[in-house]
Amino acid sequence: MSSENEENTRIAPFMGLSNSLSDWVNNFSLVEFEESIAGKSGASYLDENSNKIVSYVTIGLAVILGLFGSSEFYTIDGLLAMLDSTTDQVLTDGRTVTSSEAALYSGISALALIMAWWVTLSVLIKQTFRKSLSTALLGFSTAWIIFIVTRGLSHFILIEADWVVVWANRDLVMMGQLMKEQMTQAPGSQMCLDVNDCYGINQNFRLWWTTYLTCGLLGAAYGTSDKNPLKFVLGFGILAGIISLLATNPTEVSYNTDTVMTKILICILITYLSFAASYYYSSKSEEYLVNRFRSYLMTYAVSIFFFAIIIMDPPEFVKRLAEFAGGEPAQEFSDEIIAGTRVPSTMDKLAGNGIEASQWGGLFVNLIVATAGCVLGFGIGVVLAFGRQSELPLFKVPSVMLIELVRSGPLICWLYFAVFMMPDLMDPFYNAEDIIRMLLMFGIFGGCYIAEVLRGGLQAVDSGQKEAAIALGLSPMQTKLTVELPNAVRTTLPSIVSVFIGLWKDTTLLFIVNILDFFKLAKDLPNTDLRFLGDFLEPLYVTAIVFWVFAFYLSRLSMGIEKNLGLVKEGGGEIA
C-alpha cells in the first residue's frame, strides 16, 4: 500500500499538468474563440449548426490565402510567395539570407496572415457588423495591425538585421570595457588565450559568488510556492538550456568555454537543490513556519545586494580577513602571474584590490543601481513613511521636507546633483565614486516615492488592529513593524512593484551623466568595429528586449505574491 502511495505522489505533478491541458482542450470552443475576436454572427441565414460549419469554412479559406496568396492575384503574398522572394537573398551588406531564416520568417508571417484573413472572412460572411459594428471593426483592424507589425518585425529580425554586432560584443555590454578586462583577462591561466594580451588579475569569481547566492535564492523562493513543481523544473530547465547554448558559442569572445560551462552547471545544481530542499520543507511544515522562512529569504535577498557591492571592491577589513586566512595580495606578485610561474588563489585575489566602482559598466551597472533603488529605497521609504506620520516635529518635518523636495524634481536633475554637488557634501565623510553616488541617489529617489505609497497603506490599516497589538503588550515600535507595516505592504504591493519597475527603466538615464551602462554601450556598439558601422538598430532592439524581460518578470513575480496573499479576489482580499 505504501509503494502505491509513493507511486501516486511521484506521478502527481505529471497528472496535474496533464489534467490542466485536458481541461483546456475540452473547454475550448472554436466558435466562442472566433466570436471573442470578430463578434457574434449577425447573418439571418445562419443557425447554431451552420455557424460552426461556416467557422471551419472561413478557416479553410484563410489557410488557402495564407499559403497560396500572391500579389499577382491581387492578394497579399502568402507562405509560398514569401519563401520564393526571400530564399538565398543577398542583402546590400553582402550577407546571404539562409533557407532556414527565410522559412522561419515566412512561417511566422503566414500564421499572422491566416489569422487576419480568418477574422476578415468571419466579419464578412457571418455579417458580425450587423450585431456589433464596433466589435467587428475592432477585431478586423486589430488582426491586420498584428499582421503588419508581425511581418515587419520578423522581416527585420530574421532577414535584414545583422546580430553579429551584439553577439561579438556580448561580454562588453554585460560588463563594460574596464570591468571586462578585470573579469576575462587572467595572466598565466586558462582563461587567457594569449599571455601577451593579458594585463590584469582575473576577478570573475566576484561575479560568480554573487551569482551562486542568487541562484540559491531563486530556487528557495520558488520552492515555497504551492504551485506545481514541474512548472519550475521545466521552465528553469529551458532557461538554463538557452544560457548554456549561448555560453558554448565562443565566437569572437576571449574566454574559456569549459570553465564557464562548469560554473553554469554549478549554478543550475545550486538552483535545483535549493528548490528541492525548500519545496520539501514547505510541503511538510505549517503555514506560519513557511511564512517565517519567506521572511528569512527576504533578509537573505537584501544581504546578497550588500554582499555584491562589498565583494566587488572589498573594504580594508575584508582584505585583512583574507590575509589572515593565508592570502597574499595578488598585485604584489603580478610579474610572476604574467610570466605564468604562479597562479593566485582566491584568497590572494581577495586580499588585494578589487574592481573599483569607477570600472563597473554594462548591464551589471543597471542591475546593481536598480537593486539599490529597490532595497535601499524600500528601507528609506519605510523610515520616511513612519516619520511623516509621526507626531514629533523632529521626525515629521525632515521626512516631509525630504519627500516633497525629491519628488518636486525629475530624476535626471538629481543624478546631475549626485555627480556635481553630492561630492561636496560627502567628501568630508566618505569619498564615494560616481556609481556609488548613483546607488545612493536611486535609493533616496525611490524611497521618497515608496514612502508616499506606504503612507496610503498605513492610513488604511484598521485602528482596531493597532489597539489589539497594544493590548497584547506590544511596544509602539513592535506594533508598527509587525502589524502596521505588513498590512500596508500587503495592500500597496502592486504600487510598490510599479515603483520598482519604474526605477529599473530609469537606470537608462545613467548614460546621460556619462556612466557606461547597458544602454550607452549598446548605443555605441557600432563604433567598436568597422564591420558594424550602421548596425545601430540591432543593439537597441536587444536593449529593449532585455529591459522588457526584467520588467515583465517583476510584474509576474508581483502577481504571484499577490495570489499567495489572497489579493486577487474581488474586493482586494480574501473572501470571508
Protein backbone atom coordinates (compact mmCIF):
# COMPACT_ATOMS: atom_id res chain seq x y z
CA MET A 1 0.00 0.00 0.00
CA SER A 2 2.84 2.35 0.86
CA SER A 3 4.50 1.71 -2.51
CA GLU A 4 1.23 2.59 -4.24
CA ASN A 5 1.05 5.87 -2.32
CA GLU A 6 4.66 6.65 -3.20
CA GLU A 7 3.92 6.00 -6.88
CA ASN A 8 0.87 8.28 -6.74
CA THR A 9 2.97 11.01 -5.11
CA ARG A 10 5.64 10.64 -7.79
CA ILE A 11 3.28 10.99 -10.74
CA ALA A 12 1.03 13.62 -9.16
CA PRO A 13 2.81 16.63 -10.78
CA PHE A 14 2.56 14.99 -14.21
CA MET A 15 -1.09 14.11 -13.70
CA GLY A 16 -1.84 17.69 -12.63
CA LEU A 17 -0.21 19.09 -15.76
CA SER A 18 -1.99 16.54 -17.95
CA ASN A 19 -5.36 17.31 -16.36
CA SER A 20 -4.88 21.05 -16.85
CA LEU A 21 -4.09 20.52 -20.52
CA SER A 22 -7.04 18.15 -20.91
CA ASP A 23 -9.43 20.63 -19.28
CA TRP A 24 -8.27 23.39 -21.62
CA VAL A 25 -8.78 21.16 -24.69
CA ASN A 26 -12.22 20.04 -23.55
CA ASN A 27 -13.37 23.56 -22.70
CA PHE A 28 -12.02 25.15 -25.88
CA SER A 29 -14.69 26.21 -28.35
CA LEU A 30 -13.70 27.38 -31.82
CA VAL A 31 -16.89 29.36 -32.28
CA GLU A 32 -16.57 31.13 -28.93
CA PHE A 33 -12.95 31.99 -29.67
CA GLU A 34 -13.90 33.36 -33.09
CA GLU A 35 -16.76 35.40 -31.61
CA SER A 36 -14.44 36.89 -28.98
CA ILE A 37 -12.36 38.37 -31.82
CA ALA A 38 -14.72 39.05 -34.73
CA GLY A 39 -18.03 39.35 -32.87
CA LYS A 40 -21.19 37.26 -32.88
CA SER A 41 -22.90 36.32 -36.10
CA GLY A 42 -25.50 38.76 -37.44
CA ALA A 43 -26.47 36.78 -40.53
CA SER A 44 -30.08 35.65 -40.53
CA TYR A 45 -29.34 32.59 -42.66
CA LEU A 46 -27.05 31.02 -40.04
CA ASP A 47 -28.22 28.81 -37.19
CA GLU A 48 -26.16 27.06 -34.48
CA ASN A 49 -25.10 24.13 -36.68
CA SER A 50 -24.40 26.11 -39.84
CA ASN A 51 -22.50 28.69 -37.77
CA LYS A 52 -19.98 26.00 -36.83
CA ILE A 53 -19.67 24.84 -40.43
CA VAL A 54 -19.05 28.39 -41.65
CA SER A 55 -16.34 28.80 -38.99
CA TYR A 56 -14.48 25.82 -40.42
CA VAL A 57 -15.01 27.11 -43.95
CA THR A 58 -13.57 30.53 -43.08
CA ILE A 59 -10.54 28.87 -41.50
CA GLY A 60 -10.04 26.76 -44.63
CA LEU A 61 -10.25 29.79 -46.92
CA ALA A 62 -7.90 31.74 -44.63
CA VAL A 63 -5.35 28.91 -44.74
CA ILE A 64 -5.52 28.83 -48.56
CA LEU A 65 -5.00 32.60 -48.80
CA GLY A 66 -2.21 32.41 -46.20
CA LEU A 67 -0.39 29.67 -48.08
CA PHE A 68 -1.03 30.41 -51.72
CA GLY A 69 -1.77 34.14 -51.77
CA SER A 70 0.14 36.14 -54.35
CA SER A 71 0.24 39.76 -55.40
CA GLU A 72 -0.33 38.57 -58.97
CA PHE A 73 -3.86 37.65 -57.93
CA TYR A 74 -4.38 40.88 -56.01
CA THR A 75 -3.91 39.23 -52.62
CA ILE A 76 -1.16 39.67 -50.07
CA ASP A 77 1.79 37.32 -50.56
CA GLY A 78 1.30 34.03 -48.77
CA LEU A 79 3.78 31.46 -47.48
CA LEU A 80 4.98 30.15 -50.87
CA ALA A 81 5.39 33.61 -52.39
CA MET A 82 7.32 34.86 -49.34
CA LEU A 83 9.59 31.80 -49.40
CA ASP A 84 10.36 32.34 -53.05
CA SER A 85 11.20 36.02 -52.55
CA THR A 86 13.49 35.61 -49.51
CA THR A 87 15.35 32.31 -50.01
CA ASP A 88 19.08 32.83 -50.70
CA GLN A 89 18.55 36.57 -50.95
CA VAL A 90 21.78 38.61 -50.95
CA LEU A 91 21.45 41.83 -48.96
CA THR A 92 23.23 45.12 -49.60
CA ASP A 93 25.84 44.42 -46.89
CA GLY A 94 26.80 41.16 -48.59
CA ARG A 95 25.06 38.87 -46.11
CA THR A 96 23.05 35.98 -47.57
CA VAL A 97 19.69 35.00 -46.12
CA THR A 98 19.70 31.27 -45.42
CA SER A 99 16.83 28.97 -46.26
CA SER A 100 16.09 28.39 -42.55
CA GLU A 101 15.84 32.16 -41.90
CA ALA A 102 13.56 32.56 -44.91
CA ALA A 103 11.40 29.63 -43.81
CA LEU A 104 11.04 30.96 -40.26
CA TYR A 105 10.17 34.46 -41.46
CA SER A 106 7.66 33.12 -43.99
CA GLY A 107 6.07 30.78 -41.47
CA ILE A 108 5.57 33.48 -38.83
CA SER A 109 4.19 35.93 -41.39
CA ALA A 110 1.90 33.27 -42.87
CA LEU A 111 0.40 32.44 -39.47
CA ALA A 112 -0.32 36.13 -38.84
CA LEU A 113 -1.79 36.43 -42.33
CA ILE A 114 -4.04 33.40 -41.82
CA MET A 115 -5.30 34.93 -38.59
CA ALA A 116 -6.03 38.25 -40.34
CA TRP A 117 -7.89 36.57 -43.21
CA TRP A 118 -9.85 34.40 -40.79
CA VAL A 119 -11.14 37.43 -38.87
CA THR A 120 -11.86 39.30 -42.11
CA LEU A 121 -13.82 36.45 -43.67
CA SER A 122 -15.73 35.86 -40.44
CA VAL A 123 -16.79 39.50 -40.32
CA LEU A 124 -17.92 39.45 -43.99
CA ILE A 125 -19.55 36.02 -44.24
CA LYS A 126 -21.17 35.99 -40.81
CA GLN A 127 -22.02 39.71 -41.04
CA THR A 128 -20.90 40.31 -37.47
CA PHE A 129 -21.03 44.06 -38.12
CA ARG A 130 -24.84 43.83 -38.02
CA LYS A 131 -24.68 42.54 -34.47
CA SER A 132 -21.97 44.89 -33.22
CA LEU A 133 -20.24 47.26 -35.62
CA SER A 134 -17.66 48.36 -33.04
CA THR A 135 -16.64 44.77 -32.18
CA ALA A 136 -16.33 43.84 -35.85
CA LEU A 137 -14.24 46.90 -36.69
CA LEU A 138 -12.05 46.39 -33.62
CA GLY A 139 -11.42 42.72 -34.44
CA PHE A 140 -10.79 43.44 -38.12
CA SER A 141 -8.38 46.33 -37.52
CA THR A 142 -6.57 44.57 -34.68
CA ALA A 143 -5.98 41.43 -36.75
CA TRP A 144 -4.46 43.35 -39.65
CA ILE A 145 -2.39 45.59 -37.38
CA ILE A 146 -0.97 42.44 -35.75
CA PHE A 147 -0.16 41.06 -39.20
CA ILE A 148 1.58 44.26 -40.34
CA VAL A 149 3.61 44.54 -37.10
CA THR A 150 4.46 40.82 -37.03
CA ARG A 151 5.54 40.78 -40.68
CA GLY A 152 7.59 43.95 -40.34
CA LEU A 153 9.35 42.92 -37.14
CA SER A 154 10.03 39.36 -38.26
CA HIS A 155 11.45 40.64 -41.57
CA PHE A 156 13.82 42.95 -39.72
CA ILE A 157 14.80 40.39 -37.07
CA LEU A 158 15.25 37.40 -39.40
CA ILE A 159 16.12 38.93 -42.77
CA GLU A 160 17.51 42.45 -42.54
CA ALA A 161 19.27 42.61 -39.16
CA ASP A 162 22.85 41.51 -38.59
CA TRP A 163 23.05 40.42 -34.96
CA VAL A 164 26.78 39.79 -35.07
CA VAL A 165 27.38 43.28 -33.69
CA VAL A 166 25.64 42.26 -30.45
CA TRP A 167 26.99 38.71 -30.35
CA ALA A 168 30.59 39.75 -30.89
CA ASN A 169 30.36 42.29 -28.07
CA ARG A 170 28.11 40.42 -25.63
CA ASP A 171 30.68 40.44 -22.84
CA LEU A 172 31.23 44.17 -23.41
CA VAL A 173 27.56 45.08 -22.95
CA MET A 174 27.37 42.84 -19.89
CA MET A 175 30.35 44.31 -18.03
CA GLY A 176 31.79 47.30 -19.90
CA GLN A 177 35.33 47.59 -21.23
CA LEU A 178 37.21 48.24 -17.98
CA MET A 179 35.36 45.64 -15.96
CA LYS A 180 35.66 43.16 -18.84
CA GLU A 181 39.45 43.45 -18.70
CA GLN A 182 39.40 42.61 -14.99
CA MET A 183 36.96 39.73 -15.46
CA THR A 184 38.23 37.99 -18.60
CA GLN A 185 41.97 38.67 -18.62
CA ALA A 186 43.90 36.27 -16.42
CA PRO A 187 47.68 36.24 -16.94
CA GLY A 188 49.13 32.74 -16.86
CA SER A 189 45.74 30.98 -16.56
CA GLN A 190 43.48 29.03 -18.91
CA MET A 191 41.08 31.96 -19.07
CA CYS A 192 43.62 33.90 -21.11
CA LEU A 193 44.14 32.92 -24.72
CA ASP A 194 47.37 34.84 -25.14
CA VAL A 195 49.62 35.77 -22.19
CA ASN A 196 50.91 38.81 -24.05
CA ASP A 197 47.41 40.23 -24.22
CA CYS A 198 46.75 39.82 -20.52
CA TYR A 199 47.28 42.71 -18.20
CA GLY A 200 45.22 42.10 -15.10
CA ILE A 201 44.35 39.57 -12.45
CA ASN A 202 41.24 37.57 -13.23
CA GLN A 203 38.44 38.75 -10.98
CA ASN A 204 35.49 36.82 -12.40
CA PHE A 205 34.99 34.96 -9.09
CA ARG A 206 33.47 38.15 -7.68
CA LEU A 207 30.51 37.93 -10.02
CA TRP A 208 30.20 34.15 -9.78
CA TRP A 209 29.99 34.20 -5.98
CA THR A 210 27.08 36.62 -6.21
CA THR A 211 25.52 34.51 -8.95
CA TYR A 212 25.72 31.35 -6.81
CA LEU A 213 23.95 33.10 -3.93
CA THR A 214 21.31 34.49 -6.29
CA CYS A 215 20.65 31.04 -7.77
CA GLY A 216 20.17 29.64 -4.27
CA LEU A 217 17.70 32.43 -3.51
CA LEU A 218 15.80 31.85 -6.75
CA GLY A 219 15.36 28.13 -6.16
CA ALA A 220 14.44 28.52 -2.49
CA ALA A 221 11.92 31.29 -3.20
CA TYR A 222 10.11 29.27 -5.85
CA GLY A 223 10.19 26.24 -3.57
CA THR A 224 7.92 27.99 -1.06
CA SER A 225 5.19 28.29 -3.69
CA ASP A 226 2.34 25.79 -3.67
CA LYS A 227 2.33 25.64 -7.46
CA ASN A 228 3.07 22.52 -9.46
CA PRO A 229 6.85 21.95 -9.02
CA LEU A 230 7.07 20.63 -12.56
CA LYS A 231 6.42 24.14 -13.89
CA PHE A 232 9.57 25.49 -12.23
CA VAL A 233 11.67 22.44 -13.10
CA LEU A 234 10.75 22.60 -16.78
CA GLY A 235 10.78 26.41 -17.01
CA PHE A 236 14.16 26.81 -15.37
CA GLY A 237 15.49 23.88 -17.38
CA ILE A 238 14.58 25.65 -20.63
CA LEU A 239 16.18 28.89 -19.39
CA ALA A 240 19.32 27.04 -18.31
CA GLY A 241 19.48 25.33 -21.71
CA ILE A 242 19.31 28.67 -23.53
CA ILE A 243 22.04 30.16 -21.30
CA SER A 244 24.23 27.09 -21.81
CA LEU A 245 23.76 27.28 -25.57
CA LEU A 246 24.82 30.92 -25.58
CA ALA A 247 27.81 30.23 -23.35
CA THR A 248 29.11 27.38 -25.52
CA ASN A 249 29.33 29.56 -28.63
CA PRO A 250 32.65 31.34 -28.21
CA THR A 251 32.56 33.36 -31.43
CA GLU A 252 34.81 36.39 -31.05
CA VAL A 253 34.84 36.12 -27.26
CA SER A 254 38.07 35.59 -25.36
CA TYR A 255 37.07 33.22 -22.61
CA ASN A 256 37.45 29.54 -21.89
CA THR A 257 34.06 27.91 -22.52
CA ASP A 258 34.83 24.81 -20.43
CA THR A 259 35.42 26.90 -17.32
CA VAL A 260 32.29 28.96 -17.93
CA MET A 261 30.14 25.86 -18.52
CA THR A 262 31.43 24.29 -15.30
CA LYS A 263 30.32 27.34 -13.34
CA ILE A 264 26.96 27.43 -15.13
CA LEU A 265 26.39 23.77 -14.20
CA ILE A 266 27.19 24.65 -10.57
CA CYS A 267 24.57 27.42 -10.74
CA ILE A 268 21.98 25.01 -12.14
CA LEU A 269 22.79 22.43 -9.47
CA ILE A 270 22.53 25.00 -6.66
CA THR A 271 19.18 26.22 -8.01
CA TYR A 272 17.62 22.77 -8.22
CA LEU A 273 18.98 21.63 -4.84
CA SER A 274 17.74 24.78 -3.08
CA PHE A 275 14.38 24.40 -4.81
CA ALA A 276 14.06 20.75 -3.76
CA ALA A 277 15.02 21.49 -0.15
CA SER A 278 12.70 24.49 0.07
CA TYR A 279 9.79 22.66 -1.58
CA TYR A 280 10.20 19.67 0.75
CA TYR A 281 10.34 21.91 3.83
CA SER A 282 7.33 23.99 2.73
CA SER A 283 5.22 20.90 1.94
CA LYS A 284 5.93 19.34 5.37
CA SER A 285 5.69 22.48 7.52
CA GLU A 286 2.85 24.58 8.89
CA GLU A 287 1.91 27.79 7.09
CA TYR A 288 3.32 30.05 9.80
CA LEU A 289 6.71 28.30 9.52
CA VAL A 290 6.66 28.73 5.74
CA ASN A 291 5.91 32.44 6.14
CA ARG A 292 8.78 32.75 8.61
CA PHE A 293 11.06 31.02 6.10
CA ARG A 294 9.96 33.51 3.43
CA SER A 295 10.87 36.40 5.73
CA TYR A 296 14.32 34.85 6.13
CA LEU A 297 14.61 34.68 2.34
CA MET A 298 13.76 38.38 2.09
CA THR A 299 16.55 39.17 4.53
CA TYR A 300 18.84 36.89 2.53
CA ALA A 301 17.95 38.76 -0.69
CA VAL A 302 18.87 42.10 0.87
CA SER A 303 22.14 40.66 2.15
CA ILE A 304 23.05 39.48 -1.39
CA PHE A 305 22.86 43.08 -2.61
CA PHE A 306 25.27 44.31 0.05
CA PHE A 307 27.49 41.26 -0.47
CA ALA A 308 27.74 42.04 -4.21
CA ILE A 309 28.90 45.60 -3.50
CA ILE A 310 31.39 44.50 -0.85
CA ILE A 311 32.84 41.63 -2.85
CA MET A 312 33.33 43.75 -5.98
CA ASP A 313 35.54 46.25 -4.16
CA PRO A 314 36.26 44.87 -0.68
CA PRO A 315 36.85 47.28 2.19
CA GLU A 316 40.03 47.07 4.24
CA PHE A 317 38.62 44.75 6.93
CA VAL A 318 37.70 42.13 4.29
CA LYS A 319 41.21 42.30 2.82
CA ARG A 320 42.72 41.85 6.28
CA LEU A 321 40.49 38.81 6.91
CA ALA A 322 41.66 37.30 3.61
CA GLU A 323 45.29 37.90 4.60
CA PHE A 324 44.58 36.34 8.00
CA ALA A 325 43.22 33.26 6.17
CA GLY A 326 46.51 32.87 4.32
CA GLY A 327 46.06 35.14 1.33
CA GLU A 328 48.76 37.38 -0.08
CA PRO A 329 47.72 40.36 -2.24
CA ALA A 330 47.99 39.12 -5.81
CA GLN A 331 49.09 42.54 -7.06
CA GLU A 332 52.35 42.11 -5.15
CA PHE A 333 53.48 39.23 -7.37
CA SER A 334 51.79 40.29 -10.65
CA ASP A 335 55.06 39.80 -12.59
CA GLU A 336 55.13 36.13 -11.61
CA ILE A 337 51.48 35.79 -12.65
CA ILE A 338 52.13 37.34 -16.07
CA ALA A 339 55.13 35.04 -16.50
CA GLY A 340 52.89 32.08 -15.77
CA THR A 341 55.03 30.82 -12.87
CA ARG A 342 52.41 31.42 -10.19
CA VAL A 343 48.64 31.17 -10.13
CA PRO A 344 46.95 33.26 -7.40
CA SER A 345 44.42 31.64 -5.09
CA THR A 346 41.02 33.10 -4.36
CA MET A 347 42.29 34.39 -1.01
CA ASP A 348 45.22 36.03 -2.80
CA LYS A 349 42.83 37.89 -5.09
CA LEU A 350 40.52 38.78 -2.20
CA ALA A 351 43.42 40.16 -0.15
CA GLY A 352 44.37 42.51 -2.98
CA ASN A 353 42.48 45.26 -4.71
CA GLY A 354 39.07 44.53 -6.18
CA ILE A 355 37.29 46.21 -9.06
CA GLU A 356 36.72 49.85 -8.25
CA ALA A 357 33.23 51.21 -8.84
CA SER A 358 34.62 53.57 -11.49
CA GLN A 359 35.43 50.49 -13.59
CA TRP A 360 31.95 48.97 -13.40
CA GLY A 361 29.92 49.02 -16.57
CA GLY A 362 27.34 47.36 -18.78
CA LEU A 363 24.20 45.58 -17.67
CA PHE A 364 25.80 44.97 -14.27
CA VAL A 365 25.58 48.69 -13.51
CA ASN A 366 21.88 48.81 -14.40
CA LEU A 367 21.14 45.78 -12.23
CA ILE A 368 23.10 46.97 -9.20
CA VAL A 369 21.69 50.52 -9.38
CA ALA A 370 18.11 49.26 -9.84
CA THR A 371 18.59 46.87 -6.91
CA ALA A 372 19.84 49.77 -4.82
CA GLY A 373 16.71 51.70 -5.72
CA CYS A 374 14.58 48.76 -4.57
CA VAL A 375 16.50 47.64 -1.47
CA LEU A 376 17.72 50.97 -0.15
CA GLY A 377 14.59 52.69 -1.46
CA PHE A 378 12.27 50.39 0.46
CA GLY A 379 14.22 50.83 3.68
CA ILE A 380 14.33 54.60 3.27
CA GLY A 381 10.65 54.59 2.28
CA VAL A 382 9.64 52.77 5.47
CA VAL A 383 11.54 55.27 7.64
CA LEU A 384 10.12 58.28 5.79
CA ALA A 385 6.56 56.91 5.82
CA PHE A 386 6.59 56.43 9.59
CA GLY A 387 8.42 59.74 10.00
CA ARG A 388 5.73 61.57 8.04
CA GLN A 389 3.05 60.04 10.25
CA SER A 390 4.93 60.83 13.44
CA GLU A 391 3.54 63.46 15.82
CA LEU A 392 7.06 64.50 16.79
CA PRO A 393 8.24 67.51 14.75
CA LEU A 394 11.84 66.26 14.98
CA PHE A 395 10.91 63.28 12.80
CA LYS A 396 7.93 64.60 10.87
CA VAL A 397 9.39 67.85 9.50
CA PRO A 398 12.60 66.38 7.98
CA SER A 399 10.64 63.50 6.48
CA VAL A 400 8.09 65.77 4.84
CA MET A 401 10.78 68.15 3.60
CA LEU A 402 12.86 65.37 2.03
CA ILE A 403 9.85 63.69 0.38
CA GLU A 404 8.48 66.89 -1.09
CA LEU A 405 11.92 68.13 -2.17
CA VAL A 406 12.91 64.95 -4.01
CA ARG A 407 9.50 64.45 -5.61
CA SER A 408 9.47 68.03 -6.88
CA GLY A 409 12.33 67.42 -9.34
CA PRO A 410 12.89 64.88 -12.14
CA LEU A 411 15.33 62.05 -11.62
CA ILE A 412 17.80 63.36 -14.21
CA CYS A 413 18.23 66.56 -12.18
CA TRP A 414 19.01 64.55 -9.06
CA LEU A 415 21.52 62.47 -11.00
CA TYR A 416 23.33 65.65 -12.00
CA PHE A 417 23.13 66.70 -8.37
CA ALA A 418 24.79 63.39 -7.41
CA VAL A 419 27.56 63.96 -9.97
CA PHE A 420 28.44 67.59 -9.27
CA MET A 421 27.16 68.59 -5.80
CA MET A 422 26.98 65.44 -3.72
CA PRO A 423 30.80 65.06 -3.58
CA ASP A 424 31.00 68.40 -1.73
CA LEU A 425 28.55 67.07 0.84
CA MET A 426 30.04 63.59 1.19
CA ASP A 427 33.79 64.11 0.81
CA PRO A 428 34.33 65.14 4.45
CA PHE A 429 32.85 61.78 5.49
CA TYR A 430 33.22 59.41 2.51
CA ASN A 431 34.94 59.80 -0.86
CA ALA A 432 32.33 58.00 -2.94
CA GLU A 433 32.81 57.27 -6.64
CA ASP A 434 30.24 58.19 -9.29
CA ILE A 435 28.41 54.86 -9.36
CA ILE A 436 28.24 54.67 -5.56
CA ARG A 437 26.63 58.10 -5.57
CA MET A 438 24.18 56.84 -8.20
CA LEU A 439 23.31 53.95 -5.88
CA LEU A 440 22.57 56.36 -3.06
CA MET A 441 20.58 58.74 -5.25
CA PHE A 442 18.41 55.98 -6.71
CA GLY A 443 17.81 54.71 -3.18
CA ILE A 444 16.74 58.16 -1.95
CA PHE A 445 14.63 58.88 -5.04
CA GLY A 446 12.87 55.51 -4.90
CA GLY A 447 12.48 55.77 -1.14
CA CYS A 448 10.58 59.05 -1.36
CA TYR A 449 8.06 57.60 -3.80
CA ILE A 450 7.72 54.35 -1.85
CA ALA A 451 7.17 56.41 1.31
CA GLU A 452 4.06 58.00 -0.19
CA VAL A 453 2.78 54.64 -1.37
CA LEU A 454 3.30 53.13 2.08
CA ARG A 455 1.70 56.15 3.75
CA GLY A 456 -1.53 55.37 1.92
CA GLY A 457 -1.29 51.76 3.09
CA LEU A 458 -0.59 52.78 6.68
CA GLN A 459 -3.61 55.05 6.71
CA ALA A 460 -5.76 52.12 5.57
CA VAL A 461 -4.72 49.88 8.49
CA ASP A 462 -7.69 49.31 10.80
CA SER A 463 -7.25 51.10 14.11
CA GLY A 464 -8.62 48.02 15.85
CA GLN A 465 -5.54 46.04 14.85
CA LYS A 466 -3.25 48.67 16.38
CA GLU A 467 -5.30 48.72 19.60
CA ALA A 468 -5.28 44.92 19.78
CA ALA A 469 -1.50 44.86 19.38
CA ILE A 470 -1.02 47.42 22.16
CA ALA A 471 -3.45 45.47 24.38
CA LEU A 472 -1.31 42.36 23.86
CA GLY A 473 1.68 44.23 25.25
CA LEU A 474 3.49 45.16 22.04
CA SER A 475 5.52 48.34 22.13
CA PRO A 476 4.73 51.15 19.64
CA MET A 477 7.76 50.17 17.54
CA GLN A 478 6.74 46.49 17.54
CA THR A 479 3.23 47.48 16.56
CA LYS A 480 4.49 49.49 13.62
CA LEU A 481 6.89 46.80 12.35
CA THR A 482 4.82 43.67 12.98
CA VAL A 483 1.24 44.91 12.46
CA GLU A 484 1.05 48.20 10.56
CA LEU A 485 3.89 47.69 8.07
CA PRO A 486 2.94 44.14 6.91
CA ASN A 487 -0.66 45.24 6.35
CA ALA A 488 0.45 48.37 4.49
CA VAL A 489 2.77 46.38 2.23
CA ARG A 490 0.02 43.83 1.62
CA THR A 491 -2.44 46.44 0.35
CA THR A 492 0.06 48.55 -1.60
CA LEU A 493 2.16 45.76 -3.16
CA PRO A 494 1.09 46.48 -6.79
CA SER A 495 2.01 50.14 -6.39
CA ILE A 496 5.37 49.28 -4.79
CA VAL A 497 6.22 46.93 -7.64
CA SER A 498 5.26 49.66 -10.12
CA VAL A 499 7.81 51.94 -8.44
CA PHE A 500 10.42 49.17 -8.68
CA ILE A 501 9.72 48.69 -12.40
CA GLY A 502 9.96 52.44 -12.95
CA LEU A 503 13.33 52.54 -11.17
CA TRP A 504 14.61 49.67 -13.33
CA LYS A 505 13.66 51.52 -16.51
CA ASP A 506 15.02 54.81 -15.18
CA THR A 507 18.52 53.34 -14.95
CA THR A 508 18.83 54.11 -18.67
CA LEU A 509 19.23 57.76 -17.64
CA LEU A 510 22.70 56.89 -16.36
CA PHE A 511 24.16 57.27 -19.84
CA ILE A 512 23.25 60.99 -19.77
CA VAL A 513 25.66 61.51 -16.86
CA ASN A 514 28.34 59.55 -18.74
CA ILE A 515 28.00 56.28 -16.85
CA LEU A 516 28.84 53.34 -19.16
CA ASP A 517 25.62 51.46 -18.55
CA PHE A 518 23.96 48.86 -20.74
CA PHE A 519 22.06 51.39 -22.86
CA LYS A 520 25.07 53.63 -23.55
CA LEU A 521 27.28 50.68 -24.52
CA ALA A 522 24.56 49.29 -26.79
CA LYS A 523 24.19 52.69 -28.44
CA ASP A 524 27.93 52.89 -29.08
CA LEU A 525 28.46 49.27 -30.20
CA PRO A 526 28.50 50.03 -33.97
CA ASN A 527 31.55 52.22 -33.34
CA THR A 528 33.56 49.39 -31.80
CA ASP A 529 34.40 47.76 -35.13
CA LEU A 530 34.42 48.99 -38.74
CA ARG A 531 32.42 45.90 -39.72
CA PHE A 532 29.46 47.09 -37.68
CA LEU A 533 29.15 50.69 -38.86
CA GLY A 534 25.48 51.40 -39.49
CA ASP A 535 24.21 48.44 -37.42
CA PHE A 536 22.83 50.70 -34.70
CA LEU A 537 19.27 49.30 -34.54
CA GLU A 538 20.21 45.75 -33.54
CA PRO A 539 21.81 46.67 -30.17
CA LEU A 540 18.90 48.97 -29.35
CA TYR A 541 16.39 46.19 -30.07
CA VAL A 542 18.33 43.86 -27.77
CA THR A 543 18.38 46.54 -25.08
CA ALA A 544 14.61 46.95 -25.35
CA ILE A 545 14.06 43.19 -25.09
CA VAL A 546 16.32 42.87 -22.02
CA PHE A 547 14.57 45.71 -20.21
CA TRP A 548 11.17 44.28 -21.11
CA VAL A 549 12.12 40.81 -19.84
CA PHE A 550 13.20 42.10 -16.43
CA ALA A 551 10.15 44.37 -16.11
CA PHE A 552 7.83 41.54 -17.15
CA TYR A 553 9.44 39.18 -14.66
CA LEU A 554 8.96 41.69 -11.83
CA SER A 555 5.33 42.10 -12.83
CA ARG A 556 4.69 38.33 -12.92
CA LEU A 557 6.51 37.90 -9.62
CA SER A 558 4.29 40.54 -8.07
CA MET A 559 1.17 38.81 -9.39
CA GLY A 560 2.35 35.52 -7.89
CA ILE A 561 2.93 37.12 -4.49
CA GLU A 562 -0.47 38.79 -4.65
CA LYS A 563 -2.08 35.44 -5.41
CA ASN A 564 -0.36 33.81 -2.44
CA LEU A 565 -1.57 36.67 -0.22
CA GLY A 566 -5.13 36.30 -1.44
CA LEU A 567 -5.24 39.71 -3.11
CA VAL A 568 -6.56 38.63 -6.50
CA LYS A 569 -10.18 38.18 -5.49
CA GLU A 570 -12.82 40.85 -5.87
CA GLY A 571 -12.55 43.44 -3.14
CA GLY A 572 -8.76 43.27 -2.89
CA GLY A 573 -8.58 40.47 -0.36
CA GLU A 574 -9.74 37.07 0.69
CA ILE A 575 -13.44 36.37 0.75
CA ALA A 576 -14.62 35.94 4.31
